[in-house]
Amino acid sequence: CDYWYSVFDEEYWIPNISVSRFPVSNKSELQIIVNKTMYHHNRGINNWDNNSLLIGGAEAGFRYQSEAMVNKIKNNGTFLSRLYTSPSIPDSSFYGTKDTLMMHLNRGLAYINFVGHGGGAVWADNHVLHRNDMDEISNHRKLPFITSMTCFTGDFSFSYGLGRLMLANENGGAIAWYGASGLGWFYNDFYMVEPLQDLLFSEENLTIGEVINLSKTQYYLSIYLIQIFILK
């Protein structure tokens, strides 16, 4: 919903500035996020900056979407890992649980994408991440940018939103979180994250804010307007 604050011309839904939010309810949470942000802004390059993780939910469609993302990320030279929450997947080497996710977090990741079912305080597929798991997180300053393409995990209006908890986690969590504050949709979530990843793994050296704004613009011009035209 913060997107609307970045649009100066209501006739054209194109963002003019980057707007983000520190989803806090007290000074302690604010201080944690400020400290993490300042450290991240001033830190040098680390070897884990080249690590990424794709998480796909139990349904086959989520795995297919994750697989569609693989080549563009690997072709960038990124060391890519996959975690799929269904034990019945054809290649069982990609099957993983909450413990697998914690292992990846602790070794260091620059980027995580989740496609699957969510409910605000949980990545629901196999309960791979839940609000009650926050005390187990210990990736400290190895903080990833997370795109959470599911329902409600970007909701900042209640204290147990997964994105909010990951950002305000004192022992690690995330440096930035991109996710829906309401319902997510299977196809549109994918259509939104696809241009985001193209930009994130490009040679353009864009900030996260620029990546998000440009990807939303591309989604609006290439997908949203087409859907409106078809409906009309």
Protein backbone atom coordinates (compact mmCIF):
# COMPACT_ATOMS: atom_id res chain seq x y z
CA CYS A 1 0.00 0.00 0.00
CA ASP A 2 3.01 2.35 0.42
CA TYR A 3 3.28 2.31 -3.36
CA TRP A 4 0.60 4.99 -3.64
CA TYR A 5 2.77 7.47 -1.73
CA SER A 6 5.36 7.20 -4.51
CA VAL A 7 2.95 8.15 -7.32
CA PHE A 8 2.73 11.90 -7.95
CA ASP A 9 0.49 11.77 -11.02
CA GLU A 10 -2.68 9.84 -10.25
CA GLU A 11 -3.47 9.54 -13.96
CA TYR A 12 -0.39 7.37 -14.50
CA TRP A 13 0.41 4.71 -11.91
CA ILE A 14 4.16 5.09 -12.36
CA PRO A 15 6.22 5.63 -9.16
CA ASN A 16 8.29 8.79 -8.99
CA ILE A 17 10.25 7.96 -5.82
CA SER A 18 11.06 4.89 -3.75
CA VAL A 19 9.06 4.53 -0.55
CA SER A 20 9.62 1.91 2.13
CA ARG A 21 8.47 1.34 5.68
CA PHE A 22 10.00 0.34 8.99
CA PRO A 23 7.10 -1.74 10.40
CA VAL A 24 7.67 -1.12 14.10
CA SER A 25 5.50 -0.52 17.15
CA ASN A 26 8.14 0.58 19.66
CA LYS A 27 11.56 2.22 19.92
CA SER A 28 13.33 -1.07 20.49
CA GLU A 29 12.14 -2.51 17.17
CA LEU A 30 12.99 0.74 15.43
CA GLN A 31 16.52 0.73 16.83
CA ILE A 32 17.07 -2.85 15.67
CA ILE A 33 16.02 -2.07 12.11
CA VAL A 34 17.98 1.19 11.99
CA ASN A 35 21.12 -0.58 13.23
CA LYS A 36 20.71 -3.34 10.64
CA THR A 37 20.10 -0.83 7.87
CA MET A 38 23.11 1.31 8.72
CA TYR A 39 25.38 -1.72 9.00
CA HIS A 40 24.17 -3.06 5.67
CA HIS A 41 24.66 0.33 4.02
CA ASN A 42 28.24 0.67 5.23
CA ARG A 43 29.48 -2.91 5.08
CA GLY A 44 31.84 -4.31 2.47
CA ILE A 45 31.31 -7.17 0.05
CA ASN A 46 31.19 -10.69 1.50
CA ASN A 47 31.45 -14.09 -0.18
CA TRP A 48 27.84 -14.93 0.69
CA ASP A 49 26.62 -11.95 -1.36
CA ASN A 50 26.62 -14.34 -4.31
CA ASN A 51 24.26 -16.86 -2.66
CA SER A 52 20.54 -17.08 -3.42
CA LEU A 53 17.73 -19.45 -2.44
CA LEU A 54 14.46 -20.29 -4.20
CA ILE A 55 11.74 -21.88 -2.05
CA GLY A 56 8.79 -23.59 -3.70
CA GLY A 57 5.65 -24.74 -1.91
CA ALA A 58 4.20 -28.23 -1.94
CA GLU A 59 1.97 -27.84 -4.99
CA ALA A 60 3.54 -28.63 -8.35
CA GLY A 61 2.69 -25.19 -9.74
CA PHE A 62 4.87 -23.47 -7.17
CA ARG A 63 7.81 -25.70 -8.05
CA TYR A 64 7.31 -25.03 -11.75
CA GLN A 65 7.37 -21.30 -11.06
CA SER A 66 10.58 -21.64 -9.04
CA GLU A 67 12.19 -23.70 -11.79
CA ALA A 68 11.30 -20.98 -14.30
CA MET A 69 13.41 -18.58 -12.24
CA VAL A 70 16.50 -20.80 -12.08
CA ASN A 71 18.32 -20.03 -15.32
CA LYS A 72 18.13 -16.24 -15.16
CA ILE A 73 19.66 -16.31 -11.67
CA LYS A 74 22.30 -18.96 -12.41
CA ASN A 75 23.28 -17.24 -15.66
CA ASN A 76 24.20 -14.19 -13.59
CA GLY A 77 26.88 -16.26 -11.89
CA THR A 78 24.97 -16.56 -8.63
CA PHE A 79 25.34 -19.67 -6.49
CA LEU A 80 21.73 -20.83 -6.39
CA SER A 81 20.10 -23.29 -4.00
CA ARG A 82 16.57 -24.69 -4.12
CA LEU A 83 14.27 -25.82 -1.33
CA TYR A 84 11.00 -27.57 -2.13
CA THR A 85 8.66 -28.47 0.70
CA SER A 86 7.08 -31.60 -0.80
CA PRO A 87 8.90 -34.90 -0.18
CA SER A 88 7.34 -36.33 -3.36
CA ILE A 89 9.25 -34.11 -5.78
CA PRO A 90 11.06 -35.92 -8.61
CA ASP A 91 14.52 -34.80 -7.46
CA SER A 92 14.53 -35.39 -3.71
CA SER A 93 17.84 -33.57 -3.32
CA PHE A 94 15.85 -30.32 -3.32
CA TYR A 95 13.45 -31.39 -0.57
CA GLY A 96 13.81 -29.35 2.58
CA THR A 97 12.24 -28.36 5.88
CA LYS A 98 12.55 -25.53 8.37
CA ASP A 99 15.92 -26.91 9.44
CA THR A 100 17.14 -26.73 5.84
CA LEU A 101 16.07 -23.10 5.63
CA MET A 102 17.87 -22.27 8.88
CA MET A 103 21.04 -23.90 7.54
CA HIS A 104 20.89 -21.79 4.38
CA LEU A 105 20.26 -18.61 6.38
CA ASN A 106 23.21 -19.25 8.65
CA ARG A 107 25.66 -19.83 5.78
CA GLY A 108 24.60 -16.50 4.30
CA LEU A 109 22.20 -15.51 1.53
CA ALA A 110 21.80 -12.26 -0.36
CA TYR A 111 18.39 -13.13 -1.79
CA ILE A 112 15.49 -15.48 -1.00
CA ASN A 113 12.29 -15.95 -2.97
CA PHE A 114 9.30 -17.88 -1.64
CA VAL A 115 6.35 -18.98 -3.77
CA GLY A 116 3.71 -21.00 -1.99
CA HIS A 117 0.90 -20.65 0.52
CA GLY A 118 1.12 -18.13 3.33
CA GLY A 119 -1.04 -16.78 6.09
CA GLY A 120 0.54 -13.62 7.42
CA ALA A 121 2.65 -15.20 10.13
CA VAL A 122 3.73 -18.30 8.21
CA TRP A 123 5.11 -19.73 5.01
CA ALA A 124 2.54 -22.45 5.31
CA ASP A 125 3.89 -25.21 3.07
CA ASN A 126 5.32 -27.76 5.50
CA HIS A 127 5.48 -24.81 7.95
CA VAL A 128 8.89 -24.01 6.53
CA LEU A 129 8.87 -20.70 8.44
CA HIS A 130 6.53 -19.61 11.23
CA ARG A 131 6.41 -16.67 13.63
CA ASN A 132 7.25 -19.06 16.48
CA ASP A 133 10.58 -19.84 14.77
CA MET A 134 12.00 -16.35 15.26
CA ASP A 135 14.06 -17.34 18.30
CA GLU A 136 15.81 -20.02 16.21
CA ILE A 137 17.08 -17.55 13.64
CA SER A 138 20.77 -16.74 14.04
CA ASN A 139 22.09 -15.51 10.69
CA HIS A 140 23.10 -12.29 12.48
CA ARG A 141 24.54 -9.84 9.92
CA LYS A 142 24.14 -12.12 6.90
CA LEU A 143 20.89 -10.43 5.95
CA PRO A 144 19.01 -11.32 2.74
CA PHE A 145 16.54 -9.37 0.67
CA ILE A 146 13.38 -11.52 0.67
CA THR A 147 10.58 -11.57 -1.87
CA SER A 148 7.62 -13.37 -0.31
CA MET A 149 5.15 -14.10 -3.10
CA THR A 150 2.22 -15.28 -1.04
CA CYS A 151 -0.65 -13.92 1.06
CA PHE A 152 -0.43 -11.40 3.92
CA THR A 153 3.23 -11.82 4.93
CA GLY A 154 3.84 -8.14 4.22
CA ASP A 155 0.99 -7.08 6.51
CA PHE A 156 2.36 -4.50 8.95
CA SER A 157 -0.95 -3.85 10.73
CA PHE A 158 -0.57 -6.68 13.22
CA SER A 159 2.43 -7.60 15.31
CA TYR A 160 2.94 -11.15 14.04
CA GLY A 161 3.40 -10.48 10.33
CA LEU A 162 6.27 -12.60 9.06
CA GLY A 163 7.96 -9.75 7.22
CA ARG A 164 7.71 -7.48 10.22
CA LEU A 165 9.21 -10.12 12.52
CA MET A 166 12.07 -10.88 10.13
CA LEU A 167 12.98 -7.21 9.79
CA ALA A 168 12.88 -6.57 13.54
CA ASN A 169 14.74 -9.78 14.45
CA GLU A 170 17.72 -8.82 16.59
CA ASN A 171 19.65 -11.99 15.76
CA GLY A 172 19.34 -11.77 11.99
CA GLY A 173 16.30 -12.22 9.80
CA ALA A 174 16.13 -9.97 6.72
CA ILE A 175 17.42 -6.59 5.56
CA ALA A 176 14.40 -5.96 3.32
CA TRP A 177 11.08 -7.71 2.72
CA TYR A 178 8.83 -7.48 -0.34
CA GLY A 179 5.43 -9.12 0.04
CA ALA A 180 1.69 -8.64 -0.08
CA SER A 181 -0.13 -6.92 2.76
CA GLY A 182 -3.29 -8.68 1.56
CA LEU A 183 -4.14 -11.58 -0.72
CA GLY A 184 -1.59 -12.91 -3.18
CA TRP A 185 -2.52 -14.50 -6.49
CA PHE A 186 -0.82 -17.48 -8.09
CA TYR A 187 -0.16 -16.03 -11.55
CA ASN A 188 0.14 -12.36 -10.67
CA ASP A 189 2.66 -13.04 -7.91
CA PHE A 190 4.84 -14.73 -10.51
CA TYR A 191 4.29 -11.97 -13.06
CA MET A 192 5.38 -9.39 -10.47
CA VAL A 193 8.51 -11.15 -9.26
CA GLU A 194 9.74 -12.11 -12.73
CA PRO A 195 10.74 -8.58 -13.84
CA LEU A 196 12.01 -7.87 -10.31
CA GLN A 197 14.49 -10.72 -10.60
CA ASP A 198 15.48 -9.65 -14.11
CA LEU A 199 16.44 -6.25 -12.72
CA LEU A 200 17.92 -7.53 -9.46
CA PHE A 201 20.32 -9.84 -11.30
CA SER A 202 21.12 -7.42 -14.10
CA GLU A 203 24.31 -5.38 -14.51
CA GLU A 204 22.47 -2.12 -13.82
CA ASN A 205 23.63 -1.77 -10.18
CA LEU A 206 20.20 -0.60 -9.03
CA THR A 207 19.06 -0.08 -5.45
CA ILE A 208 16.33 -2.33 -4.07
CA GLY A 209 13.92 0.59 -4.25
CA GLU A 210 14.73 1.18 -7.91
CA VAL A 211 14.39 -2.53 -8.67
CA ILE A 212 10.96 -2.68 -7.04
CA ASN A 213 9.68 0.49 -8.72
CA LEU A 214 10.89 -0.50 -12.18
CA SER A 215 9.53 -4.04 -11.81
CA LYS A 216 6.11 -2.71 -10.78
CA THR A 217 6.16 -0.39 -13.78
CA GLN A 218 7.01 -3.27 -16.10
CA TYR A 219 4.26 -5.39 -14.54
CA TYR A 220 1.76 -2.56 -14.94
CA LEU A 221 2.66 -1.93 -18.58
CA SER A 222 3.00 -5.54 -19.72
CA ILE A 223 0.53 -7.52 -17.59
CA TYR A 224 -1.95 -5.35 -15.72
CA LEU A 225 -2.99 -3.22 -18.70
CA ILE A 226 -3.35 -6.33 -20.86
CA GLN A 227 -5.62 -7.94 -18.25
CA ILE A 228 -7.76 -4.80 -18.08
CA PHE A 229 -8.00 -4.69 -21.89
CA ILE A 230 -9.08 -8.34 -22.04
CA LEU A 231 -11.68 -7.85 -19.30
CA LYS A 232 -13.12 -4.88 -21.15
